[in-house]
Amino acid sequence: MDNLEKRIDSIEKIIQKMGIEIEAIRADVRLIAEGHVMLNEKFTRFESEYIRHAAEMRHDVLNLYRITYGELERRVKALETVK
C-alpha cells in the first residue's frame, strides 16, 4: 500500500510538471502567433507603401517621357516646316 501511494505521488508530480510545461508551450505559441500577426500587418503596410511609391515613380517617368518626347517632336516639326 505504501509503495502504491509513492507511485501515485510520483505520477501526480509528473502530471503537474507536464501541466506547467504545457502552459509554457501554450504561452510560447501565443507569442509566436502574435508575432506572426504583427509581421503580417507590417508586410501589408510595406506592400501598400511600395505599390504607392511604384505608382508615383511610374507617373513621374511617364511625365518625363511626355516632356522629353513632346519637346523632341516640337523641334522635329519645326525643322520639317523649315524645309
N, C-alpha and C. Protein backbone atom coordinates (compact mmCIF):
# COMPACT_ATOMS: atom_id res chain seq x y z
N MET A 1 0.82 -1.20 0.00
CA MET A 1 0.00 0.00 0.00
C MET A 1 0.87 1.26 0.00
N ASP A 2 1.92 1.24 0.79
CA ASP A 2 2.82 2.37 0.88
C ASP A 2 3.51 2.61 -0.47
N ASN A 3 3.87 1.53 -1.12
CA ASN A 3 4.52 1.60 -2.44
C ASN A 3 3.57 2.20 -3.48
N LEU A 4 2.31 1.82 -3.39
CA LEU A 4 1.30 2.34 -4.31
C LEU A 4 1.10 3.85 -4.12
N GLU A 5 1.10 4.33 -2.88
CA GLU A 5 0.96 5.76 -2.60
C GLU A 5 2.15 6.53 -3.15
N LYS A 6 3.35 5.97 -3.03
CA LYS A 6 4.54 6.63 -3.56
C LYS A 6 4.46 6.75 -5.09
N ARG A 7 4.00 5.70 -5.72
CA ARG A 7 3.85 5.71 -7.17
C ARG A 7 2.80 6.75 -7.61
N ILE A 8 1.70 6.81 -6.88
CA ILE A 8 0.64 7.78 -7.19
C ILE A 8 1.18 9.20 -7.01
N ASP A 9 1.91 9.44 -5.90
CA ASP A 9 2.50 10.77 -5.68
C ASP A 9 3.48 11.12 -6.80
N SER A 10 4.26 10.15 -7.21
CA SER A 10 5.23 10.36 -8.29
C SER A 10 4.52 10.69 -9.60
N ILE A 11 3.46 9.97 -9.89
CA ILE A 11 2.68 10.22 -11.10
C ILE A 11 2.02 11.59 -11.04
N GLU A 12 1.50 11.97 -9.87
CA GLU A 12 0.87 13.29 -9.72
C GLU A 12 1.89 14.41 -9.94
N LYS A 13 3.12 14.22 -9.43
CA LYS A 13 4.17 15.22 -9.64
C LYS A 13 4.52 15.34 -11.12
N ILE A 14 4.59 14.19 -11.79
CA ILE A 14 4.89 14.20 -13.22
C ILE A 14 3.78 14.91 -13.99
N ILE A 15 2.53 14.62 -13.64
CA ILE A 15 1.39 15.26 -14.31
C ILE A 15 1.41 16.76 -14.06
N GLN A 16 1.71 17.18 -12.82
CA GLN A 16 1.77 18.60 -12.51
C GLN A 16 2.90 19.28 -13.30
N LYS A 17 4.05 18.63 -13.36
CA LYS A 17 5.18 19.18 -14.12
C LYS A 17 4.83 19.30 -15.60
N MET A 18 4.18 18.28 -16.15
CA MET A 18 3.79 18.32 -17.55
C MET A 18 2.76 19.42 -17.80
N GLY A 19 1.86 19.63 -16.86
CA GLY A 19 0.87 20.70 -16.99
C GLY A 19 1.54 22.06 -17.04
N ILE A 20 2.55 22.26 -16.20
CA ILE A 20 3.28 23.51 -16.20
C ILE A 20 4.01 23.69 -17.53
N GLU A 21 4.63 22.62 -18.03
CA GLU A 21 5.34 22.69 -19.30
C GLU A 21 4.38 22.95 -20.47
N ILE A 22 3.21 22.34 -20.41
CA ILE A 22 2.21 22.56 -21.46
C ILE A 22 1.75 24.02 -21.46
N GLU A 23 1.54 24.59 -20.29
CA GLU A 23 1.16 26.01 -20.21
C GLU A 23 2.26 26.90 -20.77
N ALA A 24 3.52 26.56 -20.51
CA ALA A 24 4.64 27.34 -21.05
C ALA A 24 4.65 27.26 -22.57
N ILE A 25 4.39 26.07 -23.09
CA ILE A 25 4.34 25.89 -24.55
C ILE A 25 3.19 26.70 -25.13
N ARG A 26 2.04 26.69 -24.47
CA ARG A 26 0.89 27.48 -24.95
C ARG A 26 1.24 28.97 -24.98
N ALA A 27 1.93 29.44 -23.94
CA ALA A 27 2.33 30.85 -23.91
C ALA A 27 3.28 31.16 -25.06
N ASP A 28 4.22 30.25 -25.33
CA ASP A 28 5.15 30.45 -26.44
C ASP A 28 4.41 30.48 -27.78
N VAL A 29 3.45 29.59 -27.95
CA VAL A 29 2.68 29.55 -29.19
C VAL A 29 1.88 30.84 -29.35
N ARG A 30 1.32 31.36 -28.26
CA ARG A 30 0.60 32.63 -28.33
C ARG A 30 1.53 33.76 -28.77
N LEU A 31 2.74 33.79 -28.20
CA LEU A 31 3.71 34.83 -28.58
C LEU A 31 4.08 34.72 -30.06
N ILE A 32 4.28 33.50 -30.53
CA ILE A 32 4.60 33.29 -31.94
C ILE A 32 3.45 33.74 -32.82
N ALA A 33 2.24 33.41 -32.44
CA ALA A 33 1.05 33.81 -33.22
C ALA A 33 0.93 35.33 -33.25
N GLU A 34 1.13 35.99 -32.11
CA GLU A 34 1.06 37.45 -32.07
C GLU A 34 2.15 38.06 -32.94
N GLY A 35 3.35 37.49 -32.90
CA GLY A 35 4.44 37.97 -33.74
C GLY A 35 4.11 37.80 -35.21
N HIS A 36 3.48 36.69 -35.55
CA HIS A 36 3.09 36.44 -36.93
C HIS A 36 2.07 37.49 -37.40
N VAL A 37 1.11 37.79 -36.56
CA VAL A 37 0.10 38.80 -36.90
C VAL A 37 0.76 40.16 -37.10
N MET A 38 1.67 40.50 -36.20
CA MET A 38 2.35 41.80 -36.31
C MET A 38 3.19 41.87 -37.58
N LEU A 39 3.91 40.79 -37.90
CA LEU A 39 4.70 40.77 -39.13
C LEU A 39 3.81 40.87 -40.37
N ASN A 40 2.69 40.19 -40.34
CA ASN A 40 1.75 40.25 -41.46
C ASN A 40 1.25 41.67 -41.66
N GLU A 41 0.91 42.34 -40.57
CA GLU A 41 0.45 43.73 -40.67
C GLU A 41 1.57 44.63 -41.20
N LYS A 42 2.79 44.39 -40.74
CA LYS A 42 3.92 45.20 -41.19
C LYS A 42 4.17 44.98 -42.68
N PHE A 43 4.13 43.74 -43.13
CA PHE A 43 4.32 43.47 -44.56
C PHE A 43 3.19 44.06 -45.40
N THR A 44 1.98 44.04 -44.87
CA THR A 44 0.85 44.63 -45.59
C THR A 44 1.05 46.13 -45.76
N ARG A 45 1.49 46.80 -44.67
CA ARG A 45 1.78 48.24 -44.77
C ARG A 45 2.91 48.49 -45.76
N PHE A 46 3.97 47.68 -45.68
CA PHE A 46 5.10 47.84 -46.59
C PHE A 46 4.66 47.65 -48.04
N GLU A 47 3.84 46.64 -48.27
CA GLU A 47 3.36 46.35 -49.62
C GLU A 47 2.55 47.52 -50.18
N SER A 48 1.64 48.06 -49.38
CA SER A 48 0.83 49.18 -49.87
C SER A 48 1.69 50.41 -50.08
N GLU A 49 2.68 50.63 -49.22
CA GLU A 49 3.59 51.77 -49.40
C GLU A 49 4.44 51.58 -50.66
N TYR A 50 4.90 50.35 -50.88
CA TYR A 50 5.70 50.06 -52.07
C TYR A 50 4.88 50.28 -53.34
N ILE A 51 3.64 49.81 -53.34
CA ILE A 51 2.77 49.97 -54.51
C ILE A 51 2.52 51.45 -54.78
N ARG A 52 2.27 52.22 -53.72
CA ARG A 52 2.05 53.66 -53.87
C ARG A 52 3.30 54.33 -54.44
N HIS A 53 4.46 53.97 -53.90
CA HIS A 53 5.72 54.54 -54.38
C HIS A 53 5.97 54.16 -55.84
N ALA A 54 5.72 52.91 -56.19
CA ALA A 54 5.93 52.46 -57.58
C ALA A 54 4.99 53.20 -58.53
N ALA A 55 3.76 53.43 -58.11
CA ALA A 55 2.80 54.16 -58.95
C ALA A 55 3.27 55.61 -59.15
N GLU A 56 3.78 56.22 -58.08
CA GLU A 56 4.30 57.59 -58.19
C GLU A 56 5.50 57.64 -59.14
N MET A 57 6.38 56.67 -59.00
CA MET A 57 7.57 56.63 -59.86
C MET A 57 7.16 56.42 -61.32
N ARG A 58 6.20 55.55 -61.57
CA ARG A 58 5.72 55.31 -62.92
C ARG A 58 5.14 56.60 -63.50
N HIS A 59 4.35 57.28 -62.69
CA HIS A 59 3.76 58.55 -63.12
C HIS A 59 4.85 59.56 -63.46
N ASP A 60 5.87 59.65 -62.62
CA ASP A 60 6.97 60.59 -62.86
C ASP A 60 7.74 60.24 -64.14
N VAL A 61 8.00 58.96 -64.36
CA VAL A 61 8.72 58.53 -65.57
C VAL A 61 7.90 58.82 -66.81
N LEU A 62 6.60 58.53 -66.77
CA LEU A 62 5.75 58.82 -67.92
C LEU A 62 5.70 60.31 -68.21
N ASN A 63 5.63 61.12 -67.18
CA ASN A 63 5.66 62.58 -67.39
C ASN A 63 6.98 63.01 -68.01
N LEU A 64 8.06 62.43 -67.55
CA LEU A 64 9.37 62.76 -68.10
C LEU A 64 9.44 62.38 -69.58
N TYR A 65 8.94 61.21 -69.93
CA TYR A 65 8.90 60.81 -71.34
C TYR A 65 8.04 61.77 -72.16
N ARG A 66 6.87 62.13 -71.63
CA ARG A 66 6.00 63.06 -72.35
C ARG A 66 6.68 64.39 -72.60
N ILE A 67 7.33 64.90 -71.58
CA ILE A 67 8.02 66.18 -71.72
C ILE A 67 9.16 66.07 -72.72
N THR A 68 9.98 65.02 -72.56
CA THR A 68 11.15 64.85 -73.42
C THR A 68 10.74 64.64 -74.87
N TYR A 69 9.85 63.69 -75.10
CA TYR A 69 9.46 63.40 -76.48
C TYR A 69 8.54 64.47 -77.05
N GLY A 70 7.79 65.16 -76.21
CA GLY A 70 6.98 66.28 -76.69
C GLY A 70 7.87 67.40 -77.20
N GLU A 71 8.92 67.70 -76.45
CA GLU A 71 9.87 68.73 -76.89
C GLU A 71 10.59 68.29 -78.15
N LEU A 72 10.99 67.01 -78.20
CA LEU A 72 11.67 66.49 -79.39
C LEU A 72 10.75 66.55 -80.60
N GLU A 73 9.49 66.17 -80.43
CA GLU A 73 8.53 66.22 -81.53
C GLU A 73 8.32 67.66 -82.01
N ARG A 74 8.25 68.60 -81.08
CA ARG A 74 8.09 70.01 -81.45
C ARG A 74 9.29 70.49 -82.27
N ARG A 75 10.48 70.10 -81.87
CA ARG A 75 11.68 70.52 -82.59
C ARG A 75 11.75 69.89 -83.98
N VAL A 76 11.36 68.59 -84.08
CA VAL A 76 11.37 67.92 -85.39
C VAL A 76 10.35 68.57 -86.31
N LYS A 77 9.16 68.87 -85.82
CA LYS A 77 8.14 69.52 -86.64
C LYS A 77 8.61 70.90 -87.10
N ALA A 78 9.30 71.60 -86.21
CA ALA A 78 9.82 72.92 -86.58
C ALA A 78 10.84 72.77 -87.72
N LEU A 79 11.69 71.75 -87.63
CA LEU A 79 12.67 71.51 -88.70
C LEU A 79 12.00 71.10 -89.98
N GLU A 80 10.95 70.29 -89.89
CA GLU A 80 10.24 69.83 -91.09
C GLU A 80 9.54 70.99 -91.79
N THR A 81 9.03 71.93 -91.02
CA THR A 81 8.34 73.05 -91.65
C THR A 81 9.31 74.02 -92.30
N VAL A 82 10.52 74.04 -91.82
CA VAL A 82 11.56 74.91 -92.39
C VAL A 82 11.94 74.40 -93.78
N LYS A 83 11.98 73.12 -93.98
CA LYS A 83 12.37 72.52 -95.27
C LYS A 83 11.36 72.86 -96.26
